[in-house]
Amino acid sequence: TSGYSRNATSTAGATSPTCGQKFCDFDGGDYMTANATNVFNSASTSYAIKFTPDFSANAATDRMFFDTHATGRVLLDHRSDGGLGWRIGNTDLPTISLSSYQQYWKQSQENIFIITGTTGNTKLYLNNTLISTAVTAWSAGNPSYIKIGAYNSGLYPFDGKIHYFKVWNRLLTNNEVAIISADRTTNE
């Protein structure tokens, strides 16, 4: 996680992810765990996750990008109906429909989700395209751990590569969102 000098450790699901210098390859049965104490407790927050999915945007399967435990829960998931679910401070934000993001999703290519916001004004970007703005109020929490690549119980494992997950305790500027979003290799 960025700015907190924390590193995730491989945790046995069905297997452990295979990690190299630039990414960890999740096979749909593994995940990583990291200490999240005092990481998600800011009223202004931003997250970025760079990933290469082995599944399509309209895949009829649940896949978790990240999830924390119940106290102040933070998560981002791909749902079996193709929608995206997100939660901050244990508050569900409106589900993002498949039609809102499918054209920006790159299967088997690098993608970057960025969430940045404060209570009542939270934005989600995919590859530098704003796909949702939530006006839902939320309160920051202080979860003790995060699972990267799975639901907090280890279910709904991610299938593909996760290159990084970063957290900032401030809002990112539009320029920073553009710079971070440009950090991907494309086949376009």
C-alpha atoms as a PDB file:
ATOM      1  CA  THR A   1       0.000   0.000   0.000  1.00  0.00           C
ATOM      2  CA  SER A   2       1.383   3.353  -1.006  1.00  0.00           C
ATOM      3  CA  GLY A   3       2.726   5.697   1.638  1.00  0.00           C
ATOM      4  CA  TYR A   4       2.298   3.240   4.490  1.00  0.00           C
ATOM      5  CA  SER A   5       5.362   1.021   3.947  1.00  0.00           C
ATOM      6  CA  ARG A   6       3.251  -2.111   4.148  1.00  0.00           C
ATOM      7  CA  ASN A   7       3.658  -5.227   2.084  1.00  0.00           C
ATOM      8  CA  ALA A   8       1.074  -7.942   1.572  1.00  0.00           C
ATOM      9  CA  THR A   9       1.915 -11.563   2.233  1.00  0.00           C
ATOM     10  CA  SER A  10       0.725 -14.561   0.256  1.00  0.00           C
ATOM     11  CA  THR A  11      -2.052 -16.373   2.028  1.00  0.00           C
ATOM     12  CA  ALA A  12      -3.081 -19.879   1.171  1.00  0.00           C
ATOM     13  CA  GLY A  13      -6.423 -20.105  -0.519  1.00  0.00           C
ATOM     14  CA  ALA A  14      -6.500 -23.172  -2.704  1.00  0.00           C
ATOM     15  CA  THR A  15      -2.964 -22.090  -3.677  1.00  0.00           C
ATOM     16  CA  SER A  16      -0.739 -19.055  -3.199  1.00  0.00           C
ATOM     17  CA  PRO A  17      -0.407 -16.448  -5.957  1.00  0.00           C
ATOM     18  CA  THR A  18       2.704 -16.618  -8.090  1.00  0.00           C
ATOM     19  CA  CYS A  19       4.525 -13.323  -7.642  1.00  0.00           C
ATOM     20  CA  GLY A  20       7.303 -11.764  -9.694  1.00  0.00           C
ATOM     21  CA  GLN A  21       8.817  -8.287  -9.587  1.00  0.00           C
ATOM     22  CA  LYS A  22       5.964  -6.605 -11.469  1.00  0.00           C
ATOM     23  CA  PHE A  23       2.785  -8.492 -10.495  1.00  0.00           C
ATOM     24  CA  CYS A  24       1.208 -11.409  -8.660  1.00  0.00           C
ATOM     25  CA  ASP A  25      -0.734 -13.917 -10.747  1.00  0.00           C
ATOM     26  CA  PHE A  26      -3.953 -15.001  -9.034  1.00  0.00           C
ATOM     27  CA  ASP A  27      -5.452 -18.210 -10.427  1.00  0.00           C
ATOM     28  CA  GLY A  28      -8.951 -17.787  -9.020  1.00  0.00           C
ATOM     29  CA  GLY A  29      -8.169 -19.694  -5.815  1.00  0.00           C
ATOM     30  CA  ASP A  30      -5.704 -17.544  -3.877  1.00  0.00           C
ATOM     31  CA  TYR A  31      -5.269 -14.115  -2.308  1.00  0.00           C
ATOM     32  CA  MET A  32      -2.932 -11.926  -0.246  1.00  0.00           C
ATOM     33  CA  THR A  33      -3.402 -10.314   3.162  1.00  0.00           C
ATOM     34  CA  ALA A  34      -1.931  -7.035   4.438  1.00  0.00           C
ATOM     35  CA  ASN A  35      -2.129  -5.048   7.665  1.00  0.00           C
ATOM     36  CA  ALA A  36      -4.605  -2.190   7.154  1.00  0.00           C
ATOM     37  CA  THR A  37      -4.556  -0.594  10.620  1.00  0.00           C
ATOM     38  CA  ASN A  38      -4.707   3.219  10.260  1.00  0.00           C
ATOM     39  CA  VAL A  39      -4.633   2.980   6.455  1.00  0.00           C
ATOM     40  CA  PHE A  40      -8.317   3.589   5.643  1.00  0.00           C
ATOM     41  CA  ASN A  41      -9.241   5.979   8.474  1.00  0.00           C
ATOM     42  CA  SER A  42      -9.077   9.269   6.544  1.00  0.00           C
ATOM     43  CA  ALA A  43     -12.153  11.301   5.595  1.00  0.00           C
ATOM     44  CA  SER A  44     -10.446  12.016   2.243  1.00  0.00           C
ATOM     45  CA  THR A  45      -9.100   8.934   0.543  1.00  0.00           C
ATOM     46  CA  SER A  46      -7.875   7.507  -2.748  1.00  0.00           C
ATOM     47  CA  TYR A  47      -7.055   3.976  -3.919  1.00  0.00           C
ATOM     48  CA  ALA A  48      -5.575   2.626  -7.132  1.00  0.00           C
ATOM     49  CA  ILE A  49      -5.417  -0.972  -8.245  1.00  0.00           C
ATOM     50  CA  LYS A  50      -3.622  -2.026 -11.419  1.00  0.00           C
ATOM     51  CA  PHE A  51      -4.777  -5.401 -12.725  1.00  0.00           C
ATOM     52  CA  THR A  52      -4.920  -7.658 -15.767  1.00  0.00           C
ATOM     53  CA  PRO A  53      -8.143  -9.695 -15.671  1.00  0.00           C
ATOM     54  CA  ASP A  54      -8.370 -13.205 -17.082  1.00  0.00           C
ATOM     55  CA  PHE A  55     -12.157 -12.701 -17.281  1.00  0.00           C
ATOM     56  CA  SER A  56     -14.414 -10.472 -19.364  1.00  0.00           C
ATOM     57  CA  ALA A  57     -16.416  -7.571 -17.969  1.00  0.00           C
ATOM     58  CA  ASN A  58     -19.634  -9.521 -18.591  1.00  0.00           C
ATOM     59  CA  ALA A  59     -18.395 -12.766 -16.985  1.00  0.00           C
ATOM     60  CA  ALA A  60     -21.137 -14.357 -14.876  1.00  0.00           C
ATOM     61  CA  THR A  61     -18.911 -14.757 -11.824  1.00  0.00           C
ATOM     62  CA  ASP A  62     -18.123 -12.860  -8.631  1.00  0.00           C
ATOM     63  CA  ARG A  63     -14.502 -11.669  -8.377  1.00  0.00           C
ATOM     64  CA  MET A  64     -13.080  -9.497  -5.590  1.00  0.00           C
ATOM     65  CA  PHE A  65     -10.338  -6.961  -6.251  1.00  0.00           C
ATOM     66  CA  PHE A  66      -9.921  -6.150  -2.546  1.00  0.00           C
ATOM     67  CA  ASP A  67     -11.888  -6.296   0.688  1.00  0.00           C
ATOM     68  CA  THR A  68     -11.284  -5.460   4.337  1.00  0.00           C
ATOM     69  CA  HIS A  69     -12.902  -6.941   7.409  1.00  0.00           C
ATOM     70  CA  ALA A  70     -16.197  -5.610   8.782  1.00  0.00           C
ATOM     71  CA  THR A  71     -14.990  -2.558  10.731  1.00  0.00           C
ATOM     72  CA  GLY A  72     -15.107   0.352   8.269  1.00  0.00           C
ATOM     73  CA  ARG A  73     -15.236  -2.038   5.346  1.00  0.00           C
ATOM     74  CA  VAL A  74     -13.687  -1.019   2.024  1.00  0.00           C
ATOM     75  CA  LEU A  75     -14.134  -3.167  -1.093  1.00  0.00           C
ATOM     76  CA  LEU A  76     -14.336  -3.309  -4.879  1.00  0.00           C
ATOM     77  CA  ASP A  77     -15.830  -6.322  -6.627  1.00  0.00           C
ATOM     78  CA  HIS A  78     -16.966  -7.598  -9.999  1.00  0.00           C
ATOM     79  CA  ARG A  79     -20.427  -9.131  -9.614  1.00  0.00           C
ATOM     80  CA  SER A  80     -21.930 -12.111 -11.411  1.00  0.00           C
ATOM     81  CA  ASP A  81     -24.391  -9.784 -13.215  1.00  0.00           C
ATOM     82  CA  GLY A  82     -21.405  -7.836 -14.621  1.00  0.00           C
ATOM     83  CA  GLY A  83     -21.913  -4.884 -12.284  1.00  0.00           C
ATOM     84  CA  LEU A  84     -19.247  -3.422 -10.029  1.00  0.00           C
ATOM     85  CA  GLY A  85     -19.822  -3.172  -6.302  1.00  0.00           C
ATOM     86  CA  TRP A  86     -17.945  -0.751  -4.066  1.00  0.00           C
ATOM     87  CA  ARG A  87     -18.083   0.074  -0.400  1.00  0.00           C
ATOM     88  CA  ILE A  88     -16.269   2.646   1.738  1.00  0.00           C
ATOM     89  CA  GLY A  89     -16.566   3.022   5.494  1.00  0.00           C
ATOM     90  CA  ASN A  90     -18.940   0.048   5.584  1.00  0.00           C
ATOM     91  CA  THR A  91     -21.391   1.937   3.324  1.00  0.00           C
ATOM     92  CA  ASP A  92     -22.451   0.450  -0.015  1.00  0.00           C
ATOM     93  CA  LEU A  93     -22.133   2.922  -2.868  1.00  0.00           C
ATOM     94  CA  PRO A  94     -24.463   2.557  -5.885  1.00  0.00           C
ATOM     95  CA  THR A  95     -23.713  -0.482  -8.055  1.00  0.00           C
ATOM     96  CA  ILE A  96     -22.081   0.411 -11.366  1.00  0.00           C
ATOM     97  CA  SER A  97     -23.825  -1.224 -14.301  1.00  0.00           C
ATOM     98  CA  LEU A  98     -21.956  -3.219 -16.922  1.00  0.00           C
ATOM     99  CA  SER A  99     -23.016  -0.736 -19.617  1.00  0.00           C
ATOM    100  CA  SER A 100     -21.301   2.098 -17.690  1.00  0.00           C
ATOM    101  CA  TYR A 101     -17.834   0.581 -17.881  1.00  0.00           C
ATOM    102  CA  GLN A 102     -17.694  -2.364 -20.314  1.00  0.00           C
ATOM    103  CA  GLN A 103     -16.254  -0.348 -23.218  1.00  0.00           C
ATOM    104  CA  TYR A 104     -13.272   0.725 -21.049  1.00  0.00           C
ATOM    105  CA  TRP A 105     -12.524  -2.754 -19.636  1.00  0.00           C
ATOM    106  CA  LYS A 106      -9.558  -4.504 -21.251  1.00  0.00           C
ATOM    107  CA  GLN A 107      -9.573  -8.294 -20.829  1.00  0.00           C
ATOM    108  CA  SER A 108      -6.059  -9.802 -20.719  1.00  0.00           C
ATOM    109  CA  GLN A 109      -4.597  -6.264 -20.700  1.00  0.00           C
ATOM    110  CA  GLU A 110      -3.555  -3.909 -17.930  1.00  0.00           C
ATOM    111  CA  ASN A 111      -6.346  -1.820 -16.372  1.00  0.00           C
ATOM    112  CA  ILE A 112      -6.350   0.674 -13.515  1.00  0.00           C
ATOM    113  CA  PHE A 113      -9.258   1.420 -11.199  1.00  0.00           C
ATOM    114  CA  ILE A 114      -8.927   4.616  -9.152  1.00  0.00           C
ATOM    115  CA  ILE A 115     -11.317   5.547  -6.359  1.00  0.00           C
ATOM    116  CA  THR A 116     -10.960   9.040  -4.908  1.00  0.00           C
ATOM    117  CA  GLY A 117     -13.331  10.912  -2.674  1.00  0.00           C
ATOM    118  CA  THR A 118     -14.775  12.295   0.498  1.00  0.00           C
ATOM    119  CA  THR A 119     -18.124  11.510   2.063  1.00  0.00           C
ATOM    120  CA  GLY A 120     -20.857  12.518  -0.362  1.00  0.00           C
ATOM    121  CA  ASN A 121     -18.525  12.892  -3.362  1.00  0.00           C
ATOM    122  CA  THR A 122     -16.664   9.736  -4.369  1.00  0.00           C
ATOM    123  CA  LYS A 123     -15.484   9.000  -7.910  1.00  0.00           C
ATOM    124  CA  LEU A 124     -14.496   5.765  -9.609  1.00  0.00           C
ATOM    125  CA  TYR A 125     -12.311   5.806 -12.725  1.00  0.00           C
ATOM    126  CA  LEU A 126     -11.388   2.957 -15.048  1.00  0.00           C
ATOM    127  CA  ASN A 127      -8.403   3.651 -17.292  1.00  0.00           C
ATOM    128  CA  ASN A 128      -8.759   7.430 -16.823  1.00  0.00           C
ATOM    129  CA  THR A 129     -12.495   7.439 -17.621  1.00  0.00           C
ATOM    130  CA  LEU A 130     -14.880   8.532 -14.886  1.00  0.00           C
ATOM    131  CA  ILE A 131     -17.433   5.710 -14.716  1.00  0.00           C
ATOM    132  CA  SER A 132     -19.310   6.715 -11.556  1.00  0.00           C
ATOM    133  CA  THR A 133     -19.734   9.498  -9.013  1.00  0.00           C
ATOM    134  CA  ALA A 134     -21.429   8.526  -5.750  1.00  0.00           C
ATOM    135  CA  VAL A 135     -23.068  11.192  -3.600  1.00  0.00           C
ATOM    136  CA  THR A 136     -23.704   8.669  -0.810  1.00  0.00           C
ATOM    137  CA  ALA A 137     -22.396   9.732   2.613  1.00  0.00           C
ATOM    138  CA  TRP A 138     -19.877   7.414   4.312  1.00  0.00           C
ATOM    139  CA  SER A 139     -17.644   7.571   7.376  1.00  0.00           C
ATOM    140  CA  ALA A 140     -14.041   6.412   7.408  1.00  0.00           C
ATOM    141  CA  GLY A 141     -13.319   3.307   9.446  1.00  0.00           C
ATOM    142  CA  ASN A 142     -10.231   1.513  10.652  1.00  0.00           C
ATOM    143  CA  PRO A 143     -10.174  -2.094   9.423  1.00  0.00           C
ATOM    144  CA  SER A 144      -7.265  -4.167  10.705  1.00  0.00           C
ATOM    145  CA  TYR A 145      -6.501  -6.079   7.497  1.00  0.00           C
ATOM    146  CA  ILE A 146      -7.169  -6.168   3.769  1.00  0.00           C
ATOM    147  CA  LYS A 147      -7.439  -9.147   1.460  1.00  0.00           C
ATOM    148  CA  ILE A 148      -6.169  -8.420  -2.024  1.00  0.00           C
ATOM    149  CA  GLY A 149      -7.715 -10.710  -4.598  1.00  0.00           C
ATOM    150  CA  ALA A 150     -10.562 -12.104  -2.441  1.00  0.00           C
ATOM    151  CA  TYR A 151     -13.561 -11.365  -0.220  1.00  0.00           C
ATOM    152  CA  ASN A 152     -12.643 -10.940   3.455  1.00  0.00           C
ATOM    153  CA  SER A 153     -13.543 -14.600   4.099  1.00  0.00           C
ATOM    154  CA  GLY A 154     -11.405 -15.755   1.150  1.00  0.00           C
ATOM    155  CA  LEU A 155     -14.367 -16.338  -1.201  1.00  0.00           C
ATOM    156  CA  TYR A 156     -14.782 -14.886  -4.727  1.00  0.00           C
ATOM    157  CA  PRO A 157     -11.086 -14.948  -5.622  1.00  0.00           C
ATOM    158  CA  PHE A 158      -9.701 -12.767  -8.384  1.00  0.00           C
ATOM    159  CA  ASP A 159      -8.523 -14.418 -11.611  1.00  0.00           C
ATOM    160  CA  GLY A 160      -5.672 -12.608 -13.338  1.00  0.00           C
ATOM    161  CA  LYS A 161      -2.725 -10.427 -12.379  1.00  0.00           C
ATOM    162  CA  ILE A 162      -2.655  -7.687  -9.767  1.00  0.00           C
ATOM    163  CA  HIS A 163       0.276  -5.371 -10.311  1.00  0.00           C
ATOM    164  CA  TYR A 164      -0.278  -3.090  -7.323  1.00  0.00           C
ATOM    165  CA  PHE A 165      -2.751  -1.693  -4.828  1.00  0.00           C
ATOM    166  CA  LYS A 166      -2.037   1.823  -3.531  1.00  0.00           C
ATOM    167  CA  VAL A 167      -3.743   3.975  -0.894  1.00  0.00           C
ATOM    168  CA  TRP A 168      -3.494   7.729  -0.222  1.00  0.00           C
ATOM    169  CA  ASN A 169      -5.095   9.572   2.712  1.00  0.00           C
ATOM    170  CA  ARG A 170      -6.039  12.492   0.469  1.00  0.00           C
ATOM    171  CA  LEU A 171      -7.899  13.202  -2.738  1.00  0.00           C
ATOM    172  CA  LEU A 172      -6.003  12.738  -5.962  1.00  0.00           C
ATOM    173  CA  THR A 173      -6.111  15.635  -8.404  1.00  0.00           C
ATOM    174  CA  ASN A 174      -7.405  15.114 -11.947  1.00  0.00           C
ATOM    175  CA  ASN A 175      -3.801  15.403 -13.149  1.00  0.00           C
ATOM    176  CA  GLU A 176      -2.669  12.693 -10.708  1.00  0.00           C
ATOM    177  CA  VAL A 177      -5.529  10.426 -11.850  1.00  0.00           C
ATOM    178  CA  ALA A 178      -4.381  10.903 -15.465  1.00  0.00           C
ATOM    179  CA  ILE A 179      -0.722  10.198 -14.616  1.00  0.00           C
ATOM    180  CA  ILE A 180      -1.542   7.053 -12.619  1.00  0.00           C
ATOM    181  CA  SER A 181      -3.969   5.866 -15.319  1.00  0.00           C
ATOM    182  CA  ALA A 182      -1.248   6.224 -17.955  1.00  0.00           C
ATOM    183  CA  ASP A 183       0.854   3.633 -16.076  1.00  0.00           C
ATOM    184  CA  ARG A 184      -0.380   0.724 -18.124  1.00  0.00           C
ATOM    185  CA  THR A 185       0.785  -1.228 -21.144  1.00  0.00           C
ATOM    186  CA  THR A 186      -1.871  -1.544 -23.813  1.00  0.00           C
ATOM    187  CA  ASN A 187      -2.382  -3.491 -27.015  1.00  0.00           C
ATOM    188  CA  GLU A 188      -4.309  -0.613 -28.619  1.00  0.00           C
END
